[in-house]
Amino acid sequence: MAKYIYEYKNWTDFTWNEKAINAVFGEAKLMQGKIIGQMNTLGFSAKEEATLTALTLDVVKSSEIEGKLLNYDFHSQTFGNKHGRSCAKQPPHRRSGGNDA
């Protein structure tokens, strides 16, 4: 299983090679530009779906770092609803005891 950086001993005392990091960042930025260009040819709904997926993954993975496991499908549906997007996959219906806010 992969380790998060904070799980390594002395993780705050790390160093890096700036030249190597900048090269990787440059490649990532170039690939990002190519992806954005390809998304522009796909149309609005495909871009919207990709944005929703990225947002959902960001929240789910960030919460995982904090030790909270979130349901991807549920949060994807929630974000989609908040942003006016109806998603095909619906979350399971929760029965209310009448006390839900």
C-alpha atoms as a PDB file:
ATOM      1  CA  MET A   1       0.000   0.000   0.000  1.00  0.00           C
ATOM      2  CA  ALA A   2       1.270   3.471  -0.861  1.00  0.00           C
ATOM      3  CA  LYS A   3       2.454   5.717   1.947  1.00  0.00           C
ATOM      4  CA  TYR A   4       1.519   9.336   2.353  1.00  0.00           C
ATOM      5  CA  ILE A   5       4.467  11.686   2.788  1.00  0.00           C
ATOM      6  CA  TYR A   6       3.680  12.357   6.450  1.00  0.00           C
ATOM      7  CA  GLU A   7       4.042   8.637   7.200  1.00  0.00           C
ATOM      8  CA  TYR A   8       7.798   8.724   6.518  1.00  0.00           C
ATOM      9  CA  LYS A   9      10.251   9.364   9.338  1.00  0.00           C
ATOM     10  CA  ASN A  10      11.607  12.934   9.240  1.00  0.00           C
ATOM     11  CA  TRP A  11       9.255  13.797   6.380  1.00  0.00           C
ATOM     12  CA  THR A  12       9.632  17.507   7.047  1.00  0.00           C
ATOM     13  CA  ASP A  13      13.405  17.360   6.385  1.00  0.00           C
ATOM     14  CA  PHE A  14      13.228  16.534   2.691  1.00  0.00           C
ATOM     15  CA  THR A  15      15.203  18.059  -0.160  1.00  0.00           C
ATOM     16  CA  TRP A  16      14.673  18.022  -3.897  1.00  0.00           C
ATOM     17  CA  ASN A  17      16.434  18.698  -7.151  1.00  0.00           C
ATOM     18  CA  GLU A  18      14.819  21.879  -8.470  1.00  0.00           C
ATOM     19  CA  LYS A  19      15.989  21.269 -12.045  1.00  0.00           C
ATOM     20  CA  ALA A  20      14.426  17.790 -12.108  1.00  0.00           C
ATOM     21  CA  ILE A  21      11.185  18.999 -10.493  1.00  0.00           C
ATOM     22  CA  ASN A  22      10.847  21.885 -12.947  1.00  0.00           C
ATOM     23  CA  ALA A  23      11.297  19.499 -15.880  1.00  0.00           C
ATOM     24  CA  VAL A  24       8.483  17.278 -14.587  1.00  0.00           C
ATOM     25  CA  PHE A  25       6.239  20.289 -13.929  1.00  0.00           C
ATOM     26  CA  GLY A  26       6.920  21.558 -17.446  1.00  0.00           C
ATOM     27  CA  GLU A  27       5.890  18.209 -18.944  1.00  0.00           C
ATOM     28  CA  ALA A  28       2.766  18.117 -16.779  1.00  0.00           C
ATOM     29  CA  LYS A  29       1.798  21.649 -17.854  1.00  0.00           C
ATOM     30  CA  LEU A  30       2.273  20.716 -21.514  1.00  0.00           C
ATOM     31  CA  MET A  31       0.109  17.611 -21.116  1.00  0.00           C
ATOM     32  CA  GLN A  32      -2.516  19.687 -19.271  1.00  0.00           C
ATOM     33  CA  GLY A  33      -2.648  22.094 -22.208  1.00  0.00           C
ATOM     34  CA  LYS A  34      -3.074  19.219 -24.663  1.00  0.00           C
ATOM     35  CA  ILE A  35      -5.899  17.749 -22.583  1.00  0.00           C
ATOM     36  CA  ILE A  36      -7.665  21.112 -22.358  1.00  0.00           C
ATOM     37  CA  GLY A  37      -7.352  21.484 -26.127  1.00  0.00           C
ATOM     38  CA  GLN A  38      -8.843  18.020 -26.684  1.00  0.00           C
ATOM     39  CA  MET A  39     -11.648  18.734 -24.208  1.00  0.00           C
ATOM     40  CA  ASN A  40     -12.535  21.907 -26.104  1.00  0.00           C
ATOM     41  CA  THR A  41     -13.227  19.782 -29.190  1.00  0.00           C
ATOM     42  CA  LEU A  42     -15.503  17.411 -27.230  1.00  0.00           C
ATOM     43  CA  GLY A  43     -18.136  19.935 -26.311  1.00  0.00           C
ATOM     44  CA  PHE A  44     -19.604  21.321 -23.117  1.00  0.00           C
ATOM     45  CA  SER A  45     -21.084  18.146 -21.592  1.00  0.00           C
ATOM     46  CA  ALA A  46     -17.824  16.192 -21.854  1.00  0.00           C
ATOM     47  CA  LYS A  47     -15.882  19.060 -20.257  1.00  0.00           C
ATOM     48  CA  GLU A  48     -18.522  19.326 -17.547  1.00  0.00           C
ATOM     49  CA  GLU A  49     -18.301  15.589 -16.837  1.00  0.00           C
ATOM     50  CA  ALA A  50     -14.493  15.707 -16.659  1.00  0.00           C
ATOM     51  CA  THR A  51     -14.651  18.660 -14.263  1.00  0.00           C
ATOM     52  CA  LEU A  52     -17.187  16.875 -12.070  1.00  0.00           C
ATOM     53  CA  THR A  53     -15.000  13.761 -11.996  1.00  0.00           C
ATOM     54  CA  ALA A  54     -11.886  15.772 -11.100  1.00  0.00           C
ATOM     55  CA  LEU A  55     -13.719  17.666  -8.353  1.00  0.00           C
ATOM     56  CA  THR A  56     -15.146  14.480  -6.872  1.00  0.00           C
ATOM     57  CA  LEU A  57     -11.802  12.659  -6.942  1.00  0.00           C
ATOM     58  CA  ASP A  58     -10.091  15.650  -5.345  1.00  0.00           C
ATOM     59  CA  VAL A  59     -12.527  15.696  -2.427  1.00  0.00           C
ATOM     60  CA  VAL A  60     -12.596  11.905  -1.961  1.00  0.00           C
ATOM     61  CA  LYS A  61      -8.794  11.551  -2.069  1.00  0.00           C
ATOM     62  CA  SER A  62      -8.181  14.602   0.148  1.00  0.00           C
ATOM     63  CA  SER A  63     -10.552  13.194   2.737  1.00  0.00           C
ATOM     64  CA  GLU A  64      -8.773   9.832   2.503  1.00  0.00           C
ATOM     65  CA  ILE A  65      -5.546  11.561   3.572  1.00  0.00           C
ATOM     66  CA  GLU A  66      -7.373  12.728   6.688  1.00  0.00           C
ATOM     67  CA  GLY A  67      -8.562   9.185   7.399  1.00  0.00           C
ATOM     68  CA  LYS A  68     -12.146   9.699   6.199  1.00  0.00           C
ATOM     69  CA  LEU A  69     -13.412   7.343   3.516  1.00  0.00           C
ATOM     70  CA  LEU A  70     -16.095   8.937   1.334  1.00  0.00           C
ATOM     71  CA  ASN A  71     -18.358   7.247  -1.191  1.00  0.00           C
ATOM     72  CA  TYR A  72     -17.352   8.428  -4.688  1.00  0.00           C
ATOM     73  CA  ASP A  73     -20.743   7.813  -6.310  1.00  0.00           C
ATOM     74  CA  PHE A  74     -22.664   9.628  -3.588  1.00  0.00           C
ATOM     75  CA  HIS A  75     -20.443  12.713  -3.705  1.00  0.00           C
ATOM     76  CA  SER A  76     -20.371  12.761  -7.492  1.00  0.00           C
ATOM     77  CA  GLN A  77     -24.167  12.842  -7.452  1.00  0.00           C
ATOM     78  CA  THR A  78     -24.186  15.547  -4.766  1.00  0.00           C
ATOM     79  CA  PHE A  79     -21.740  17.792  -6.676  1.00  0.00           C
ATOM     80  CA  GLY A  80     -23.643  17.206  -9.892  1.00  0.00           C
ATOM     81  CA  ASN A  81     -26.927  18.217  -8.290  1.00  0.00           C
ATOM     82  CA  LYS A  82     -25.395  21.349  -6.755  1.00  0.00           C
ATOM     83  CA  HIS A  83     -24.056  22.408 -10.136  1.00  0.00           C
ATOM     84  CA  GLY A  84     -27.200  21.659 -12.130  1.00  0.00           C
ATOM     85  CA  ARG A  85     -25.974  18.406 -13.597  1.00  0.00           C
ATOM     86  CA  SER A  86     -28.164  15.332 -13.472  1.00  0.00           C
ATOM     87  CA  CYS A  87     -25.992  12.238 -13.282  1.00  0.00           C
ATOM     88  CA  ALA A  88     -27.122   8.829 -14.469  1.00  0.00           C
ATOM     89  CA  LYS A  89     -26.056   7.089 -11.301  1.00  0.00           C
ATOM     90  CA  GLN A  90     -28.289   7.889  -8.329  1.00  0.00           C
ATOM     91  CA  PRO A  91     -27.147   7.389  -4.733  1.00  0.00           C
ATOM     92  CA  PRO A  92     -29.027   4.878  -2.588  1.00  0.00           C
ATOM     93  CA  HIS A  93     -32.105   6.403  -0.959  1.00  0.00           C
ATOM     94  CA  ARG A  94     -31.720   6.992   2.757  1.00  0.00           C
ATOM     95  CA  ARG A  95     -34.761   6.384   4.928  1.00  0.00           C
ATOM     96  CA  SER A  96     -35.511   9.306   7.147  1.00  0.00           C
ATOM     97  CA  GLY A  97     -36.623   8.953  10.714  1.00  0.00           C
ATOM     98  CA  GLY A  98     -38.152  12.412  10.472  1.00  0.00           C
ATOM     99  CA  ASN A  99     -35.283  14.100  12.317  1.00  0.00           C
ATOM    100  CA  ASP A 100     -33.051  14.867   9.346  1.00  0.00           C
ATOM    101  CA  ALA A 101     -32.216  18.519   8.829  1.00  0.00           C
END
